[in-house]
Amino acid sequence: MATLGELGEAAVLSRIFPRLPAAATTLVGPGDDAAVLRAPDGRFVVTTDTMIEGPDFRMAWSTPHDLGWKAAATNLADVAAMGAVPTALVVAIAAPPETDISVLEGLADGLRGACEAMAPGCGVVGGDLSSSSVFTIAVTAFGDLQGRAPVLRSGARPGDVLAVSGPLDLAARGLALLFERGVVDGIPDAELAAALRGEFPDEVDAQLAPTPPLADGRAAALAGATAMLDVSDGLAIDARRIADASGVQLDLDSAAVGSAASLTGGEAHALLATFPADAALPSGFRAIGRVEAGRGVTVDGQPYDERGGWDPYSDWDGDR
């Protein structure tokens, strides 16, 4: 196989483009200075996220397919959390010139696989390639509200039911396993990671190649969700974001939430939403608490102030 530096940008693109998923909303796709998309609603949802080798992923643990899948999934989850349907992705990659072309081909396959599995009709409509000493993936995702109002973080009201769709602790448990048993002298090891994946597939896959419940975002909007977000940094910290934005208090039921890792573990990519008390919860959602007058987050009625969740500045120390 050839490296990116040996092939050059034009040849690299010619290898990647056929592997990328097409978007159903595309009027002008990759190849021009910019893409052109249909926006039937007259509005579109847009979000962006960056994955950087080191703080966000380790090449020894993730396959190229994993990287493409996760880059898509994490952005698509944010679109779904607004109650929108994902329509398109723009992907920018900066990689060392000595990177083998198979890495980008595998990443493109992962992008396609994630879109086909979780967001049919969504595709890659453009992006950028550059060189860097640190492998970096930046994705911008677009979504269609289909005539509905967006579901914001600020709509929760006292009396609402707090519910979640998707597991809350699997990704955190997967990450803990990788750091505990997927390293040799503190260095990530590919063979150990592969063995862990065979032994604990649910946990490790939830961390390396998550499958957020994207369709449940639209279902929540149709069911009258008053607030919603993607649980990416940990349930406690993300619940506080809804509480702060809405000016309310969220009380979590510890028995319904489950393990401590469910409260503090990051990268769950579950959907956390509030619904009117008389609303029927959509399939996939389960009640884990309620919205009350007040401020902040409580657990079983008691203030919850323990540090937990992911903060890219306070938690990144160069070794994790």
Protein backbone atom coordinates (compact mmCIF):
# COMPACT_ATOMS: atom_id res chain seq x y z
CA MET A 1 0.00 0.00 0.00
CA ALA A 2 1.06 3.61 -0.52
CA THR A 3 1.25 6.45 1.98
CA LEU A 4 -0.62 9.76 1.73
CA GLY A 5 2.66 11.54 1.03
CA GLU A 6 3.51 9.20 -1.82
CA LEU A 7 0.09 9.48 -3.47
CA GLY A 8 -0.71 13.19 -3.12
CA GLU A 9 -4.09 14.80 -2.51
CA ALA A 10 -5.71 14.17 -5.89
CA ALA A 11 -4.93 10.45 -5.85
CA VAL A 12 -6.01 10.14 -2.21
CA LEU A 13 -9.36 11.75 -3.00
CA SER A 14 -9.84 9.47 -5.98
CA ARG A 15 -9.46 6.51 -3.61
CA ILE A 16 -11.78 7.92 -0.93
CA PHE A 17 -14.69 9.41 -2.91
CA PRO A 18 -16.08 6.07 -4.16
CA ARG A 19 -16.21 4.78 -0.58
CA LEU A 20 -18.15 7.70 0.90
CA PRO A 21 -21.93 7.58 1.39
CA ALA A 22 -24.06 9.80 -0.83
CA ALA A 23 -26.62 12.13 0.73
CA ALA A 24 -30.20 12.09 -0.50
CA THR A 25 -30.40 15.89 -0.17
CA THR A 26 -27.38 16.53 -2.43
CA LEU A 27 -27.76 18.85 -5.41
CA VAL A 28 -23.99 19.37 -5.84
CA GLY A 29 -21.68 16.96 -4.07
CA PRO A 30 -17.92 16.58 -3.60
CA GLY A 31 -15.71 18.02 -6.32
CA ASP A 32 -16.66 21.71 -6.35
CA ASP A 33 -15.62 24.42 -3.89
CA ALA A 34 -18.75 23.76 -1.85
CA ALA A 35 -21.70 21.40 -1.78
CA VAL A 36 -25.30 22.40 -2.44
CA LEU A 37 -28.07 20.71 -0.45
CA ARG A 38 -31.84 20.81 -0.52
CA ALA A 39 -33.47 22.21 2.65
CA PRO A 40 -37.17 21.34 2.29
CA ASP A 41 -38.00 22.80 5.71
CA GLY A 42 -36.33 26.13 4.92
CA ARG A 43 -34.13 25.63 8.00
CA PHE A 44 -31.35 23.21 8.84
CA VAL A 45 -29.65 22.00 11.99
CA VAL A 46 -25.84 22.15 11.99
CA THR A 47 -23.26 20.89 14.49
CA THR A 48 -19.55 20.11 14.50
CA ASP A 49 -17.12 17.99 16.50
CA THR A 50 -13.41 17.20 16.42
CA MET A 51 -11.60 13.95 17.21
CA ILE A 52 -7.86 14.24 17.90
CA GLU A 53 -5.48 11.36 18.39
CA GLY A 54 -4.50 11.34 22.04
CA PRO A 55 -7.35 12.94 23.97
CA ASP A 56 -10.11 11.44 21.81
CA PHE A 57 -8.80 8.16 20.40
CA ARG A 58 -5.79 5.86 20.23
CA MET A 59 -4.76 4.29 16.95
CA ALA A 60 -3.71 1.11 18.76
CA TRP A 61 -7.25 0.61 20.05
CA SER A 62 -9.38 1.86 17.17
CA THR A 63 -9.46 0.50 13.65
CA PRO A 64 -9.78 3.05 10.83
CA HIS A 65 -13.36 1.81 10.38
CA ASP A 66 -14.01 2.57 14.07
CA LEU A 67 -12.71 6.11 13.63
CA GLY A 68 -14.99 6.85 10.69
CA TRP A 69 -17.97 5.26 12.43
CA LYS A 70 -17.42 7.17 15.68
CA ALA A 71 -16.77 10.47 13.91
CA ALA A 72 -20.13 10.12 12.19
CA ALA A 73 -22.02 8.78 15.20
CA THR A 74 -20.98 11.51 17.62
CA ASN A 75 -22.13 14.24 15.26
CA LEU A 76 -25.31 12.48 14.17
CA ALA A 77 -26.29 12.14 17.83
CA ASP A 78 -26.20 15.92 18.26
CA VAL A 79 -28.48 16.35 15.25
CA ALA A 80 -30.90 13.76 16.64
CA ALA A 81 -30.90 15.51 20.02
CA MET A 82 -32.46 18.55 18.36
CA GLY A 83 -35.30 16.35 17.09
CA ALA A 84 -33.94 16.54 13.54
CA VAL A 85 -33.20 13.88 10.93
CA PRO A 86 -29.51 13.76 9.80
CA THR A 87 -29.04 14.68 6.15
CA ALA A 88 -25.36 15.34 5.39
CA LEU A 89 -21.79 15.38 6.72
CA VAL A 90 -18.73 17.45 5.81
CA VAL A 91 -15.49 15.74 6.87
CA ALA A 92 -12.02 17.28 7.23
CA ILE A 93 -9.00 15.09 7.98
CA ALA A 94 -5.47 16.12 8.88
CA ALA A 95 -3.01 13.23 8.92
CA PRO A 96 0.75 12.66 8.90
CA PRO A 97 2.03 12.24 5.32
CA GLU A 98 3.43 8.80 6.18
CA THR A 99 -0.09 7.51 6.96
CA ASP A 100 -0.99 4.57 4.74
CA ILE A 101 -3.85 5.20 2.30
CA SER A 102 -5.65 2.16 3.76
CA VAL A 103 -6.27 4.16 6.94
CA LEU A 104 -8.29 6.80 5.09
CA GLU A 105 -10.02 4.14 3.02
CA GLY A 106 -11.06 2.34 6.19
CA LEU A 107 -12.18 5.60 7.76
CA ALA A 108 -14.34 6.33 4.70
CA ASP A 109 -15.85 2.85 4.98
CA GLY A 110 -16.67 3.57 8.62
CA LEU A 111 -18.40 6.83 7.70
CA ARG A 112 -20.45 4.96 5.11
CA GLY A 113 -21.28 2.11 7.48
CA ALA A 114 -22.46 4.45 10.23
CA CYS A 115 -24.69 6.43 7.89
CA GLU A 116 -26.19 3.33 6.34
CA ALA A 117 -26.84 1.72 9.72
CA MET A 118 -28.08 4.70 11.71
CA ALA A 119 -29.08 7.47 9.30
CA PRO A 120 -30.11 6.15 5.87
CA GLY A 121 -30.05 8.92 3.29
CA CYS A 122 -27.35 10.86 5.13
CA GLY A 123 -24.01 11.07 3.33
CA VAL A 124 -20.72 12.91 3.00
CA VAL A 125 -21.04 15.95 0.71
CA GLY A 126 -17.57 17.45 1.02
CA GLY A 127 -14.63 18.19 3.26
CA ASP A 128 -10.90 18.80 3.27
CA LEU A 129 -7.57 16.98 3.51
CA SER A 130 -4.46 18.36 5.16
CA SER A 131 -1.25 17.18 6.78
CA SER A 132 -0.47 17.28 10.48
CA SER A 133 1.77 15.53 12.96
CA VAL A 134 -1.38 14.65 14.94
CA PHE A 135 -4.18 12.70 13.25
CA THR A 136 -7.31 14.85 13.43
CA ILE A 137 -10.87 14.31 12.19
CA ALA A 138 -13.35 17.19 12.10
CA VAL A 139 -16.96 16.55 11.10
CA THR A 140 -19.82 18.97 10.52
CA ALA A 141 -23.30 17.43 10.41
CA PHE A 142 -26.56 18.80 9.05
CA GLY A 143 -30.14 17.85 9.83
CA ASP A 144 -33.72 18.46 8.69
CA LEU A 145 -36.37 19.49 11.24
CA GLN A 146 -39.15 18.41 8.86
CA GLY A 147 -41.33 21.35 9.82
CA ARG A 148 -41.06 20.82 13.59
CA ALA A 149 -39.68 23.25 16.15
CA PRO A 150 -36.23 22.23 17.38
CA VAL A 151 -36.11 20.56 20.80
CA LEU A 152 -33.82 22.78 22.91
CA ARG A 153 -32.20 22.32 26.30
CA SER A 154 -34.21 25.21 27.69
CA GLY A 155 -37.76 23.83 27.56
CA ALA A 156 -37.97 21.61 30.65
CA ARG A 157 -40.70 22.58 33.13
CA PRO A 158 -41.54 21.45 36.69
CA GLY A 159 -43.71 18.36 36.54
CA ASP A 160 -42.04 16.96 33.42
CA VAL A 161 -40.72 13.40 33.35
CA LEU A 162 -36.98 12.94 32.77
CA ALA A 163 -36.23 10.00 30.49
CA VAL A 164 -33.31 8.52 28.58
CA SER A 165 -32.89 6.35 25.49
CA GLY A 166 -29.75 4.25 25.25
CA PRO A 167 -27.29 2.76 27.76
CA LEU A 168 -25.53 5.18 30.11
CA ASP A 169 -22.53 3.24 31.38
CA LEU A 170 -21.30 0.89 28.63
CA ALA A 171 -18.89 3.34 26.98
CA ALA A 172 -17.36 4.35 30.32
CA ARG A 173 -16.91 0.71 31.29
CA GLY A 174 -15.34 0.03 27.89
CA LEU A 175 -12.86 2.88 28.33
CA ALA A 176 -11.97 1.69 31.83
CA LEU A 177 -11.31 -1.81 30.49
CA LEU A 178 -9.05 -0.45 27.76
CA PHE A 179 -6.98 1.60 30.20
CA GLU A 180 -6.81 -1.22 32.74
CA ARG A 181 -6.21 -4.19 30.46
CA GLY A 182 -5.48 -2.81 27.00
CA VAL A 183 -2.04 -1.39 27.75
CA VAL A 184 1.52 -2.65 28.15
CA ASP A 185 3.61 -0.49 30.48
CA GLY A 186 1.01 2.24 30.04
CA ILE A 187 1.14 2.11 26.22
CA PRO A 188 -2.06 1.17 24.31
CA ASP A 189 -1.71 -2.26 22.73
CA ALA A 190 -3.66 -3.35 19.66
CA GLU A 191 -3.64 -7.09 20.41
CA LEU A 192 -4.86 -6.60 23.97
CA ALA A 193 -7.58 -4.25 22.77
CA ALA A 194 -8.75 -6.78 20.19
CA ALA A 195 -8.87 -9.48 22.87
CA LEU A 196 -10.91 -7.23 25.15
CA ARG A 197 -13.29 -6.56 22.30
CA GLY A 198 -13.87 -10.26 21.93
CA GLU A 199 -14.41 -10.71 25.67
CA PHE A 200 -16.46 -7.55 26.29
CA PRO A 201 -17.96 -6.62 22.90
CA ASP A 202 -20.81 -4.46 24.19
CA GLU A 203 -18.60 -2.33 26.42
CA VAL A 204 -15.67 -1.89 24.03
CA ASP A 205 -17.87 -1.30 20.97
CA ALA A 206 -19.85 1.33 22.90
CA GLN A 207 -16.59 3.23 23.40
CA LEU A 208 -14.84 2.69 20.06
CA ALA A 209 -17.81 2.49 17.65
CA PRO A 210 -20.97 3.76 19.41
CA THR A 211 -24.46 3.29 18.02
CA PRO A 212 -26.61 6.16 19.36
CA PRO A 213 -30.40 5.72 19.16
CA LEU A 214 -30.73 8.36 16.43
CA ALA A 215 -34.29 7.55 15.37
CA ASP A 216 -35.43 8.15 18.95
CA GLY A 217 -34.60 11.85 18.61
CA ARG A 218 -37.31 12.33 16.00
CA ALA A 219 -39.66 10.08 17.98
CA ALA A 220 -39.11 12.21 21.09
CA ALA A 221 -39.89 15.40 19.17
CA LEU A 222 -43.10 13.90 17.81
CA ALA A 223 -44.07 12.78 21.32
CA GLY A 224 -43.79 16.35 22.62
CA ALA A 225 -40.35 16.36 24.27
CA THR A 226 -39.84 19.71 26.01
CA ALA A 227 -36.02 19.50 26.21
CA MET A 228 -33.34 17.12 24.96
CA LEU A 229 -29.61 16.65 24.56
CA ASP A 230 -26.99 14.05 23.66
CA VAL A 231 -25.37 12.58 26.77
CA SER A 232 -21.75 12.91 25.69
CA ASP A 233 -19.95 14.15 28.82
CA GLY A 234 -21.76 12.14 31.53
CA LEU A 235 -25.34 12.03 32.79
CA ALA A 236 -24.81 14.27 35.81
CA ILE A 237 -23.01 17.04 33.93
CA ASP A 238 -25.38 16.90 30.95
CA ALA A 239 -28.48 16.82 33.18
CA ARG A 240 -27.14 19.98 34.82
CA ARG A 241 -26.96 21.60 31.39
CA ILE A 242 -30.68 21.05 30.89
CA ALA A 243 -31.37 22.24 34.44
CA ASP A 244 -29.31 25.41 33.98
CA ALA A 245 -30.74 26.21 30.54
CA SER A 246 -34.32 25.63 31.70
CA GLY A 247 -33.99 27.22 35.13
CA VAL A 248 -35.21 24.07 36.90
CA GLN A 249 -34.00 21.20 39.06
CA LEU A 250 -33.62 17.67 37.74
CA ASP A 251 -34.01 14.93 40.33
CA LEU A 252 -32.51 11.60 39.27
CA ASP A 253 -33.77 8.27 40.61
CA SER A 254 -30.65 6.29 41.52
CA ALA A 255 -32.43 2.95 41.13
CA ALA A 256 -33.52 3.87 37.60
CA VAL A 257 -30.14 5.35 36.67
CA GLY A 258 -28.22 2.30 37.82
CA SER A 259 -24.46 2.23 38.38
CA ALA A 260 -22.24 5.10 39.46
CA ALA A 261 -20.63 4.94 36.03
CA SER A 262 -24.02 5.88 34.58
CA LEU A 263 -23.83 9.21 36.43
CA THR A 264 -20.24 10.11 35.69
CA GLY A 265 -19.14 8.16 32.62
CA GLY A 266 -18.75 10.06 29.35
CA GLU A 267 -19.40 9.26 25.69
CA ALA A 268 -22.64 7.37 26.31
CA HIS A 269 -24.35 9.19 23.41
CA ALA A 270 -27.73 8.35 24.88
CA LEU A 271 -30.56 10.85 24.42
CA LEU A 272 -31.72 12.60 27.60
CA ALA A 273 -35.12 14.26 27.30
CA THR A 274 -37.96 15.71 29.34
CA PHE A 275 -41.63 15.07 28.55
CA PRO A 276 -44.91 16.42 29.91
CA ALA A 277 -46.22 14.24 32.74
CA ASP A 278 -49.21 13.12 30.69
CA ALA A 279 -47.17 12.24 27.56
CA ALA A 280 -46.60 8.64 26.57
CA LEU A 281 -42.87 7.97 26.45
CA PRO A 282 -41.74 6.86 22.99
CA SER A 283 -40.49 3.32 22.63
CA GLY A 284 -36.84 3.19 23.66
CA PHE A 285 -37.13 5.82 26.40
CA ARG A 286 -37.26 4.93 30.09
CA ALA A 287 -38.05 7.29 32.97
CA ILE A 288 -35.08 8.06 35.26
CA GLY A 289 -36.30 11.10 37.18
CA ARG A 290 -38.43 14.21 37.18
CA VAL A 291 -38.24 17.95 36.74
CA GLU A 292 -38.87 20.09 39.81
CA ALA A 293 -38.80 23.73 40.79
CA GLY A 294 -35.35 24.82 41.90
CA ARG A 295 -31.88 24.70 40.41
CA GLY A 296 -29.25 22.10 39.60
CA VAL A 297 -29.24 18.31 39.90
CA THR A 298 -30.29 16.10 42.79
CA VAL A 299 -30.18 12.33 43.22
CA ASP A 300 -33.03 10.85 45.27
CA GLY A 301 -33.76 14.37 46.48
CA GLN A 302 -30.21 15.04 47.68
CA PRO A 303 -27.88 17.61 46.05
CA TYR A 304 -25.37 16.02 43.70
CA ASP A 305 -22.13 17.96 43.47
CA GLU A 306 -19.53 15.24 42.93
CA ARG A 307 -17.09 15.85 40.11
CA GLY A 308 -17.70 13.59 37.16
CA GLY A 309 -18.03 13.47 33.40
CA TRP A 310 -15.63 14.65 30.73
CA ASP A 311 -14.14 18.13 30.42
CA PRO A 312 -11.58 18.42 27.58
CA TYR A 313 -9.48 20.93 29.51
CA SER A 314 -9.60 19.82 33.14
CA ASP A 315 -9.55 16.07 32.35
CA TRP A 316 -6.86 15.93 29.64
CA ASP A 317 -3.42 15.50 31.19
CA GLY A 318 -1.47 14.29 28.16
CA ASP A 319 -1.53 10.66 29.29
CA ARG A 320 -5.23 9.87 28.83
